[in-house]
Protein backbone atom coordinates (compact mmCIF):
# COMPACT_ATOMS: atom_id res chain seq x y z
CA MET A 1 18.32 16.86 -30.53
CA PHE A 2 20.13 19.95 -29.64
CA SER A 3 20.16 21.98 -33.22
CA LYS A 4 18.29 24.70 -33.21
CA THR A 5 14.92 25.45 -35.35
CA SER A 6 14.04 28.02 -37.16
CA THR A 7 11.33 29.23 -34.62
CA ASN A 8 12.70 30.17 -31.13
CA ALA A 9 9.63 29.10 -29.70
CA ILE A 10 9.77 25.28 -30.39
CA ASN A 11 13.49 25.64 -28.68
CA ILE A 12 11.70 26.94 -25.27
CA ILE A 13 9.08 24.00 -25.95
CA THR A 14 11.66 21.34 -26.15
CA PHE A 15 13.53 22.86 -23.33
CA ILE A 16 10.19 22.99 -21.25
CA THR A 17 9.33 19.51 -22.50
CA VAL A 18 13.26 17.93 -21.01
CA PHE A 19 12.52 19.84 -18.26
CA GLY A 20 9.12 18.18 -17.38
CA VAL A 21 10.54 14.63 -17.77
CA VAL A 22 13.10 15.47 -15.20
CA ILE A 23 10.99 16.46 -12.72
CA GLY A 24 8.58 13.51 -13.00
CA ALA A 25 11.45 11.08 -13.18
CA LEU A 26 13.02 13.10 -9.95
CA ALA A 27 9.92 13.30 -8.07
CA LEU A 28 9.19 9.49 -9.27
CA PHE A 29 12.57 8.03 -7.96
CA VAL A 30 12.46 9.84 -4.68
CA ILE A 31 8.80 8.84 -3.61
CA LEU A 32 9.51 5.61 -4.33
CA SER A 33 13.03 5.39 -2.38
CA GLY A 34 11.07 7.34 0.23
CA PHE A 35 8.37 4.51 0.47
CA SER A 36 11.20 1.73 0.48
CA GLY A 37 13.14 3.75 3.69
CA LEU A 38 9.51 3.97 5.68
CA ARG A 39 9.31 0.50 4.83
CA THR A 40 12.66 -0.53 6.58
CA PHE A 41 12.26 1.62 8.96
CA SER A 42 8.57 0.39 9.71
CA ASP A 43 10.29 -3.22 9.54
CA SER A 44 13.06 -2.55 12.21
CA LEU A 45 10.26 -2.00 14.28
CA LEU A 46 8.32 -4.86 13.85
CA ASN A 47 11.56 -7.29 14.38
CA ASP A 48 11.94 -5.70 17.61
CA SER A 49 8.26 -6.32 18.58
CA ASP A 50 7.06 -9.47 17.36
CA PRO A 51 8.64 -12.48 16.96
CA ASP A 52 10.09 -14.54 13.64
CA ILE A 53 7.31 -17.45 14.21
CA LYS A 54 4.32 -17.63 16.62
CA ILE A 55 2.76 -20.35 17.59
CA THR A 56 -1.21 -20.17 18.53
CA ALA A 57 -4.33 -22.39 18.98
CA VAL A 58 -6.59 -22.74 16.41
CA LYS A 59 -9.49 -23.23 18.91
CA GLY A 60 -9.79 -21.61 22.06
CA LYS A 61 -7.26 -19.22 23.63
CA THR A 62 -4.76 -21.58 25.31
CA PHE A 63 -3.20 -24.75 24.53
CA GLU A 64 -0.82 -27.47 26.56
CA TYR A 65 2.84 -26.86 26.03
CA SER A 66 3.74 -30.99 25.77
CA ASN A 67 6.96 -32.32 25.71
CA GLU A 68 5.65 -33.89 22.01
CA LEU A 69 5.15 -30.58 21.02
CA TYR A 70 8.28 -28.93 21.56
CA GLN A 71 10.42 -31.74 20.13
CA LYS A 72 8.52 -31.12 16.82
CA ILE A 73 9.59 -27.35 16.84
CA ILE A 74 13.16 -28.28 17.78
CA GLU A 75 13.89 -31.21 15.40
CA LYS A 76 15.18 -28.75 12.43
CA GLU A 77 18.13 -26.74 13.54
CA GLU A 78 17.07 -23.91 12.07
CA VAL A 79 15.51 -22.77 15.80
CA LEU A 80 17.55 -20.81 17.63
CA ALA A 81 15.48 -20.40 20.50
CA VAL A 82 11.59 -21.33 21.99
CA SER A 83 9.66 -18.96 24.44
CA LYS A 84 6.44 -20.12 26.15
CA VAL A 85 3.86 -16.68 26.44
CA ILE A 86 0.90 -15.74 27.76
CA GLU A 87 -1.49 -12.89 26.47
CA GLU A 88 -4.41 -11.70 27.60
CA ARG A 89 -6.22 -8.65 27.74
CA VAL A 90 -6.55 -6.71 31.31
CA PHE A 91 -7.38 -3.94 33.16
CA LEU A 92 -4.85 -1.56 34.76
CA SER A 93 -5.22 0.43 37.75
CA TYR A 94 -2.92 2.62 39.24
CA LYS A 95 -4.29 5.52 41.88
CA ASP A 96 -6.76 6.97 40.15
CA LYS A 97 -6.14 6.32 36.68
CA ASN A 98 -7.07 3.40 34.76
CA GLN A 99 -5.78 2.17 31.10
CA ILE A 100 -7.20 -1.33 29.10
CA ALA A 101 -3.78 -3.53 28.09
CA TYR A 102 -2.34 -6.60 27.66
CA ILE A 103 -0.40 -8.66 29.67
CA LYS A 104 2.30 -10.63 28.56
CA GLY A 105 3.87 -13.44 30.45
CA VAL A 106 7.31 -14.43 29.27
CA ASP A 107 9.83 -17.19 30.34
CA GLN A 108 13.57 -16.53 30.90
CA ASN A 109 14.30 -17.43 26.95
CA TYR A 110 12.38 -14.49 25.91
CA SER A 111 15.18 -11.99 25.76
CA GLN A 112 16.68 -14.37 22.75
CA ILE A 113 13.27 -13.73 21.09
CA LEU A 114 13.40 -10.05 20.73
CA PRO A 115 16.49 -7.60 21.41
CA ILE A 116 15.68 -6.91 25.13
CA ASP A 117 18.60 -5.04 25.63
CA SER A 118 18.01 -1.86 22.63
CA LEU A 119 13.74 -2.52 23.79
CA LEU A 120 14.43 -1.32 27.28
CA LYS A 121 14.40 2.39 27.90
CA VAL A 122 14.89 2.36 31.55
CA GLY A 123 15.43 0.02 34.61
CA ALA A 124 15.75 -3.85 34.27
CA TRP A 125 14.02 -7.07 32.22
CA VAL A 126 11.44 -9.40 34.33
CA ASP A 127 13.48 -11.84 36.15
CA PRO A 128 11.97 -15.19 37.35
CA GLU A 129 13.99 -14.67 40.98
CA PHE A 130 11.84 -11.46 41.31
CA LYS A 131 7.84 -12.14 41.95
CA ASN A 132 5.06 -9.65 41.08
CA THR A 133 7.14 -7.09 38.75
CA ALA A 134 6.39 -6.10 35.37
CA VAL A 135 7.89 -3.76 32.74
CA LEU A 136 5.42 -0.82 31.22
CA GLY A 137 5.61 0.16 27.70
CA TYR A 138 6.59 4.03 27.57
CA GLY A 139 2.96 4.92 26.09
CA ILE A 140 1.22 3.02 29.23
CA ALA A 141 3.43 4.48 31.44
CA TYR A 142 2.72 8.31 30.28
CA LYS A 143 -1.19 7.53 30.26
CA LEU A 144 -0.77 6.26 34.16
CA SER A 145 1.70 8.71 35.07
CA LEU A 146 4.02 5.64 36.12
CA GLY A 147 7.40 5.45 36.78
CA ILE A 148 9.87 2.78 37.82
CA MET A 149 11.07 1.76 41.03
CA ASN A 150 7.53 3.32 42.71
CA PHE A 151 7.34 1.46 46.22
CA GLY A 152 4.60 3.24 47.14
CA GLU A 153 1.05 2.42 45.68
CA PRO A 154 1.66 -0.88 43.54
CA LEU A 155 0.30 -1.11 39.91
CA LYS A 156 -2.85 -3.34 40.27
CA ILE A 157 -3.56 -5.81 36.66
CA LEU A 158 -6.98 -6.97 36.98
CA VAL A 159 -8.89 -9.66 34.69
CA PRO A 160 -12.54 -10.72 35.45
CA LYS A 161 -13.30 -14.43 37.15
CA PRO A 162 -14.63 -16.81 34.88
CA GLY A 163 -17.94 -17.97 35.22
CA LYS A 164 -21.65 -17.88 34.34
CA GLY A 165 -24.70 -16.15 36.38
CA PHE A 166 -24.82 -13.38 38.91
CA ILE A 167 -21.84 -11.43 39.01
CA ASN A 168 -20.87 -9.73 42.38
CA PRO A 169 -19.57 -6.04 41.36
CA ASN A 170 -17.44 -6.18 44.78
CA ASN A 171 -15.74 -9.51 43.64
CA ALA A 172 -15.44 -9.35 40.18
CA PHE A 173 -12.01 -9.24 39.37
CA HIS A 174 -9.00 -11.14 39.97
CA SER A 175 -6.18 -8.83 40.82
CA VAL A 176 -2.56 -8.82 41.31
CA PRO A 177 0.09 -6.18 42.68
CA VAL A 178 2.96 -5.18 40.51
CA GLN A 179 6.13 -3.12 40.85
CA ILE A 180 7.40 -1.53 37.86
CA ILE A 181 10.94 -2.10 37.48
CA GLY A 182 11.14 -1.15 33.43
CA VAL A 183 9.92 0.86 30.66
CA TYR A 184 10.38 -0.37 27.16
CA HIS A 185 10.02 1.54 23.88
CA GLY A 186 9.12 0.64 20.36
CA SER A 187 6.28 1.76 17.54
CA GLU A 188 3.22 3.95 19.04
CA GLU A 189 1.30 0.36 18.99
CA PHE A 190 3.64 -1.83 20.82
CA GLN A 191 4.83 0.31 23.53
CA SER A 192 0.78 1.17 24.35
CA LYS A 193 0.00 -2.19 24.06
CA PHE A 194 1.74 -4.94 26.59
CA VAL A 195 2.55 -5.29 30.38
CA PHE A 196 5.49 -7.53 30.71
CA THR A 197 5.48 -9.87 33.48
CA GLU A 198 6.81 -12.84 34.67
CA VAL A 199 5.18 -16.02 32.64
CA GLU A 200 4.18 -17.80 36.66
CA LEU A 201 2.39 -14.09 37.64
CA ALA A 202 -0.17 -14.42 34.24
CA GLN A 203 -0.77 -18.31 35.22
CA GLN A 204 -1.95 -17.48 38.41
CA LEU A 205 -3.61 -14.23 37.40
CA LEU A 206 -5.56 -15.95 34.79
CA SER A 207 -5.77 -19.33 36.70
CA TYR A 208 -3.70 -21.12 34.19
CA LYS A 209 -2.37 -24.62 34.71
CA GLU A 210 1.69 -25.05 34.73
CA ASN A 211 1.73 -26.37 31.26
CA GLN A 212 -1.02 -24.02 29.68
CA PHE A 213 0.07 -21.35 27.14
CA THR A 214 -1.39 -19.08 24.62
CA GLY A 215 1.64 -19.18 22.41
CA VAL A 216 4.82 -19.91 21.61
CA GLU A 217 7.20 -17.77 19.89
CA LEU A 218 10.54 -18.67 17.92
CA LYS A 219 13.38 -17.39 16.82
CA LEU A 220 15.22 -18.60 13.72
CA LYS A 221 18.96 -18.46 13.07
CA GLU A 222 20.02 -15.92 10.41
CA GLY A 223 19.54 -16.40 6.64
CA VAL A 224 16.32 -18.74 7.36
CA ASP A 225 13.50 -18.26 4.92
CA LEU A 226 10.53 -17.56 7.50
CA ASP A 227 7.89 -18.82 4.79
CA ASP A 228 9.75 -21.53 4.28
CA TYR A 229 9.79 -22.91 7.93
CA GLN A 230 6.54 -21.57 8.25
CA SER A 231 4.91 -24.27 5.59
CA ALA A 232 6.54 -27.14 6.95
CA LEU A 233 6.39 -25.86 10.57
CA GLN A 234 2.41 -25.59 9.90
CA ALA A 235 2.38 -29.20 8.20
CA LYS A 236 4.14 -30.93 10.81
CA LEU A 237 1.92 -29.43 13.60
CA GLY A 238 -1.37 -30.14 11.92
CA ASN A 239 -4.62 -27.99 11.78
CA SER A 240 -4.52 -27.94 15.82
CA PHE A 241 -2.27 -25.00 15.71
CA LYS A 242 -1.70 -21.54 13.86
CA VAL A 243 1.86 -21.19 12.71
CA GLN A 244 2.26 -17.29 11.69
CA THR A 245 5.12 -15.40 10.28
CA ARG A 246 6.15 -11.73 11.28
CA ALA A 247 4.63 -10.72 8.16
CA GLN A 248 1.21 -12.62 8.33
CA LEU A 249 1.16 -11.53 12.37
CA ASN A 250 1.31 -7.73 10.65
CA THR A 251 -0.94 -8.61 7.09
CA VAL A 252 -2.99 -5.28 7.45
CA TYR A 253 0.19 -3.29 8.03
CA TYR A 254 1.70 -4.76 4.93
CA LYS A 255 -1.44 -4.36 2.89
CA VAL A 256 -1.89 -0.51 3.67
CA VAL A 257 2.17 -0.16 2.95
CA ASN A 258 2.11 -1.51 -0.04
CA THR A 259 -1.25 -0.02 -0.99
CA GLU A 260 0.02 3.29 -0.20
CA ASN A 261 2.95 2.72 -2.28
CA PHE A 262 1.05 1.66 -5.46
CA ILE A 263 -1.40 4.10 -5.49
CA SER A 264 1.93 6.69 -5.00
CA TYR A 265 3.10 5.10 -7.69
CA LEU A 266 0.19 5.37 -10.22
CA ILE A 267 -0.37 9.28 -9.29
CA PHE A 268 3.30 10.23 -10.22
CA THR A 269 2.95 8.24 -12.93
CA LEU A 270 0.07 9.95 -14.12
CA ILE A 271 1.77 13.00 -13.61
CA ILE A 272 4.69 12.26 -15.65
CA ALA A 273 2.14 10.74 -18.58
CA ILE A 274 0.69 14.45 -18.66
CA ALA A 275 3.88 15.66 -18.96
CA LEU A 276 4.89 13.62 -21.56
CA PHE A 277 2.21 15.44 -23.75
CA ASN A 278 4.86 18.25 -24.09
CA VAL A 279 6.80 15.76 -26.16
CA ILE A 280 4.07 15.09 -28.31
CA GLY A 281 3.17 18.73 -28.49
CA SER A 282 7.19 19.44 -29.64
CA ILE A 283 7.27 16.80 -31.81
CA ILE A 284 4.50 17.49 -33.68
CA MET A 285 5.99 20.96 -34.03
CA MET A 286 9.23 19.89 -35.31
CA ILE A 287 7.66 18.06 -37.94
CA ILE A 288 5.77 21.41 -39.02
CA ASP A 289 8.69 23.45 -38.93
CA LYS A 290 10.96 20.62 -40.92
CA LYS A 291 8.02 20.26 -43.37
CA GLN A 292 10.26 21.14 -46.65
CA ASN A 293 13.56 18.77 -45.10
CA LEU A 294 11.22 16.02 -44.96
CA LYS A 295 9.39 16.66 -48.48
CA THR A 296 13.51 16.82 -49.77
CA LEU A 297 13.92 13.60 -47.90
CA PHE A 298 10.82 11.84 -49.44
CA ASN A 299 11.67 12.91 -53.07
CA LEU A 300 15.10 11.50 -52.49
CA GLY A 301 13.59 8.06 -51.60
CA THR A 302 12.79 8.17 -47.54
CA THR A 303 9.70 6.46 -47.20
CA VAL A 304 7.59 7.55 -45.16
CA SER A 305 7.87 5.00 -42.16
CA GLU A 306 11.68 6.13 -42.15
CA ILE A 307 10.43 9.72 -41.78
CA LYS A 308 8.45 8.09 -38.86
CA ARG A 309 10.82 6.20 -37.07
CA ILE A 310 13.67 9.56 -37.25
CA PHE A 311 10.84 11.39 -35.06
CA VAL A 312 10.34 8.61 -33.10
CA LEU A 313 13.47 8.84 -32.08
CA GLN A 314 13.77 12.53 -31.24
CA GLY A 315 10.87 11.86 -28.84
CA PHE A 316 12.30 9.07 -27.31
CA LEU A 317 15.71 10.60 -26.84
CA LEU A 318 13.96 13.63 -25.12
CA THR A 319 12.64 11.29 -23.10
CA LEU A 320 15.76 9.72 -22.14
CA VAL A 321 17.78 12.61 -21.98
CA GLY A 322 15.13 14.11 -19.34
CA MET A 323 14.94 10.83 -17.44
CA GLY A 324 18.91 10.47 -17.13
CA ILE A 325 19.35 14.33 -15.94
CA GLY A 326 16.18 13.62 -13.33
CA LEU A 327 17.65 10.14 -11.97
CA PHE A 328 20.91 11.50 -11.54
CA ILE A 329 19.76 14.52 -9.68
CA GLY A 330 17.63 11.96 -7.65
CA ILE A 331 20.27 9.14 -6.79
CA ILE A 332 22.47 12.32 -5.41
CA LEU A 333 19.70 13.57 -3.30
CA VAL A 334 18.37 9.92 -1.94
CA LEU A 335 22.29 9.38 -0.88
CA ILE A 336 22.52 12.55 0.47
CA GLN A 337 19.66 12.02 2.75
CA GLN A 338 20.55 8.54 3.45
CA ARG A 339 23.72 9.67 4.46
CA PHE A 340 23.41 13.05 6.49
CA GLY A 341 19.93 13.09 7.35
CA VAL A 342 19.09 16.64 5.83
CA PHE A 343 15.46 16.29 6.49
CA MET A 344 14.41 15.28 10.05
CA ILE A 345 11.03 14.36 11.09
CA THR A 346 12.06 14.81 14.71
CA ASP A 347 14.95 15.94 16.18
CA SER A 348 16.64 12.79 16.73
CA LEU A 349 14.66 11.03 13.55
CA ALA A 350 15.96 11.80 10.03
CA TYR A 351 12.95 11.04 6.95
CA PRO A 352 14.05 7.50 6.38
CA VAL A 353 15.16 6.85 2.17
CA GLU A 354 16.64 3.71 0.67
CA PHE A 355 18.49 3.58 -2.33
CA ARG A 356 17.25 0.41 -4.37
CA TRP A 357 18.54 -0.70 -7.59
CA PHE A 358 14.75 -2.07 -8.61
CA ASN A 359 13.10 1.33 -7.84
CA LEU A 360 15.50 2.57 -10.27
CA PHE A 361 14.55 0.02 -13.05
CA VAL A 362 10.60 0.92 -12.28
CA VAL A 363 11.31 4.53 -13.25
CA MET A 364 13.58 3.55 -16.37
CA LEU A 365 11.05 1.33 -17.41
CA THR A 366 8.14 3.33 -16.77
CA ILE A 367 9.18 6.31 -18.32
CA SER A 368 10.53 4.82 -21.52
CA ILE A 369 7.60 3.17 -22.23
CA LEU A 370 5.36 6.03 -21.60
CA GLY A 371 8.09 8.46 -23.34
CA TYR A 372 8.09 5.82 -27.06
CA ILE A 373 4.36 5.95 -26.92
CA ALA A 374 4.28 9.55 -26.70
CA ALA A 375 6.63 9.66 -29.58
CA LYS A 376 4.74 6.96 -31.31
CA ILE A 377 1.51 9.10 -31.21
CA ALA A 378 2.90 12.16 -32.45
CA SER A 379 4.88 10.84 -35.35
CA SER A 380 2.05 9.09 -36.29
CA ARG A 381 0.73 12.52 -37.75
CA ILE A 382 3.38 12.42 -40.52
CA SER A 383 1.44 11.00 -43.89
CA LYS A 384 2.37 11.12 -47.76
CA THR A 385 -0.52 13.73 -48.08
CA PHE A 386 0.89 15.67 -45.31
CA ILE A 387 4.34 15.62 -47.03
CA GLU A 388 3.58 16.44 -50.32
CA LYS A 389 1.27 19.47 -49.50
């Protein structure tokens, strides 16, 4: 592999071949590690905005929360906390600014469902003891130019009154004034979506009964498999309720991430495949350069298939050397970024990457297969006629 040939150009081409494989392996591993990091980072944001399990009605927006339903939910020991919630699209009005958002009425157990302490950017969380209070997302607060503890003009939350027939525009909405006591942050969508209030206020605004809710959210104990629990609970509750895991609540997001990851993998695999054409060219030139040696081997009794095997091994080793160097550099770069955050998205947020053995295995398998195919194609040029000429 490392011996010089009679033609210096072949040595240069061999070096370029190895260098191309190095860059291909490095790029593919770094890209896959970057997507792994982005997925882990996005998952952490979803963990802060969505419950482990959410139960909603199949028909209609609301359902009656009975003691029988509660007993079915807590029958197994996996459940750590249960919170009743009310979600509905509302119209927000503050001074001369308006915004569409969702009201989310939560009970006192909701602080066990999501990590409220880490979500709150400033202020305090809703407390049933203090009526007509709310916690806004940072995105909503920014759009309405609304801060906390603003005891001037309150924020108005409005919903259309139910009914049919003629609507009087002057009396078409139920409205409640609230004081903002806190601002939370999170993903872009999450912090621009919800206004959290106590559940009683949401029931009053929407004219719901005391035991009428739109959903029940669960926090499971650490280590519990969400999919297994979801399947078991769905079977227990029947067809009247929809039981969803966090992943099922964000199916579009996961489809987009998986599609982007797969397309990126295909693109860089194509680039590596193109780079491995250099392996084919390099092996063919070596075959031509060593033609007299091949003839000597053939006359000594070496078969054509054995000679082909020599150059398959030659090409495969070129690929493995390039892949090894590329992965070594790639692993170092990923670990440096993961530890020190050299490349930043913002002043406070480093570009997320994550070292995973699975990504390493995928790169090794991909390049090994493509390299072996390239070496087989190059060695197929060898024949008895070619050697004896």
